[in-house]
C-alpha atoms as a PDB file:
ATOM      1  CA  MET A   1     -16.017 -15.365 -45.120  1.00  0.00           C
ATOM      2  CA  PRO A   2     -14.595 -11.855 -44.612  1.00  0.00           C
ATOM      3  CA  GLN A   3     -11.072 -11.203 -43.402  1.00  0.00           C
ATOM      4  CA  LEU A   4     -10.493  -9.907 -39.878  1.00  0.00           C
ATOM      5  CA  ASP A   5      -9.315  -6.303 -39.972  1.00  0.00           C
ATOM      6  CA  THR A   6      -6.383  -5.978 -37.582  1.00  0.00           C
ATOM      7  CA  SER A   7      -5.166  -2.574 -38.706  1.00  0.00           C
ATOM      8  CA  THR A   8      -6.503  -0.784 -35.592  1.00  0.00           C
ATOM      9  CA  TRP A   9      -5.341  -3.345 -33.056  1.00  0.00           C
ATOM     10  CA  PHE A  10      -1.978  -1.697 -32.434  1.00  0.00           C
ATOM     11  CA  THR A  11      -3.595   1.668 -31.726  1.00  0.00           C
ATOM     12  CA  THR A  12      -6.212   0.091 -29.481  1.00  0.00           C
ATOM     13  CA  ILE A  13      -3.673  -1.913 -27.463  1.00  0.00           C
ATOM     14  CA  MET A  14      -1.278   1.012 -27.081  1.00  0.00           C
ATOM     15  CA  THR A  15      -4.071   3.348 -26.010  1.00  0.00           C
ATOM     16  CA  THR A  16      -5.292   0.798 -23.485  1.00  0.00           C
ATOM     17  CA  LEU A  17      -1.806   0.359 -22.027  1.00  0.00           C
ATOM     18  CA  PHE A  18      -1.283   4.098 -21.811  1.00  0.00           C
ATOM     19  CA  THR A  19      -4.644   4.529 -20.074  1.00  0.00           C
ATOM     20  CA  LEU A  20      -3.910   1.767 -17.570  1.00  0.00           C
ATOM     21  CA  TYR A  21      -0.479   3.216 -16.848  1.00  0.00           C
ATOM     22  CA  THR A  22      -1.954   6.694 -16.341  1.00  0.00           C
ATOM     23  CA  MET A  23      -4.683   5.407 -14.055  1.00  0.00           C
ATOM     24  CA  MET A  24      -2.176   3.489 -11.933  1.00  0.00           C
ATOM     25  CA  GLN A  25       0.047   6.554 -11.646  1.00  0.00           C
ATOM     26  CA  LEU A  26      -2.884   8.669 -10.524  1.00  0.00           C
ATOM     27  CA  LYS A  27      -3.903   6.053  -7.985  1.00  0.00           C
ATOM     28  CA  LEU A  28      -0.385   5.815  -6.577  1.00  0.00           C
ATOM     29  CA  LEU A  29      -0.150   9.587  -6.447  1.00  0.00           C
ATOM     30  CA  ASN A  30      -3.064   9.688  -3.997  1.00  0.00           C
ATOM     31  CA  THR A  31      -1.690   6.907  -1.801  1.00  0.00           C
ATOM     32  CA  ASN A  32      -0.656   7.889   1.711  1.00  0.00           C
ATOM     33  CA  TYR A  33       2.547   6.144   2.687  1.00  0.00           C
ATOM     34  CA  TYR A  34       3.823   5.827   6.217  1.00  0.00           C
ATOM     35  CA  GLN A  35       6.274   8.503   7.190  1.00  0.00           C
ATOM     36  CA  THR A  36       9.714   7.676   8.439  1.00  0.00           C
ATOM     37  CA  PRO A  37      10.302   8.399  12.136  1.00  0.00           C
ATOM     38  CA  LEU A  38      12.413  11.460  11.342  1.00  0.00           C
ATOM     39  CA  GLN A  39       9.582  13.054   9.391  1.00  0.00           C
ATOM     40  CA  LYS A  40       6.871  12.408  11.939  1.00  0.00           C
ATOM     41  CA  ASN A  41       5.389  15.289  13.828  1.00  0.00           C
ATOM     42  CA  SER A  42       7.061  15.321  17.228  1.00  0.00           C
ATOM     43  CA  ASN A  43       4.669  17.730  19.011  1.00  0.00           C
ATOM     44  CA  LYS A  44       2.052  15.067  19.605  1.00  0.00           C
ATOM     45  CA  GLN A  45       1.210  14.559  23.231  1.00  0.00           C
ATOM     46  CA  THR A  46       1.677  11.074  24.555  1.00  0.00           C
ATOM     47  CA  PRO A  47      -0.290   9.911  27.561  1.00  0.00           C
ATOM     48  CA  ASN A  48       1.713   9.403  30.715  1.00  0.00           C
ATOM     49  CA  ASN A  49       1.413   5.655  31.166  1.00  0.00           C
ATOM     50  CA  PRO A  50       4.095   3.750  33.082  1.00  0.00           C
ATOM     51  CA  TRP A  51       3.930   0.772  30.732  1.00  0.00           C
ATOM     52  CA  GLN A  52       4.997   2.878  27.760  1.00  0.00           C
ATOM     53  CA  LEU A  53       8.360   3.627  29.318  1.00  0.00           C
ATOM     54  CA  LYS A  54       9.568   0.046  29.597  1.00  0.00           C
ATOM     55  CA  TRP A  55       9.390  -3.175  27.690  1.00  0.00           C
ATOM     56  CA  THR A  56       6.905  -5.766  28.792  1.00  0.00           C
ATOM     57  CA  LYS A  57       6.654  -9.352  27.738  1.00  0.00           C
ATOM     58  CA  ILE A  58       3.431 -11.258  27.444  1.00  0.00           C
ATOM     59  CA  TYR A  59       3.854 -14.971  27.782  1.00  0.00           C
ATOM     60  CA  LEU A  60       1.265 -17.259  26.300  1.00  0.00           C
ATOM     61  CA  PRO A  61       0.438 -20.470  28.148  1.00  0.00           C
ATOM     62  CA  HIS A  62       2.028 -23.597  26.788  1.00  0.00           C
ATOM     63  CA  SER A  63      -0.110 -25.457  24.349  1.00  0.00           C
ATOM     64  CA  ARG A  64      -1.232 -28.809  25.635  1.00  0.00           C
ATOM     65  CA  PRO A  65      -1.006 -31.886  23.429  1.00  0.00           C
ATOM     66  CA  GLN A  66      -4.380 -33.269  22.698  1.00  0.00           C
END
């Protein structure tokens, strides 16, 4: 029975890890993250709705025991 040649395993594993790391970096580079409020564009027009100027609470009905 022949011996298993493991001389190329280190190169294969290291190349695989490097490739996975590179692919993840490229994927994260193209990810759009949410901007902080200070960086947001402030010239957007907001509709003039009265309910946007004050807080409103929505109360759910009480759950009934069954």
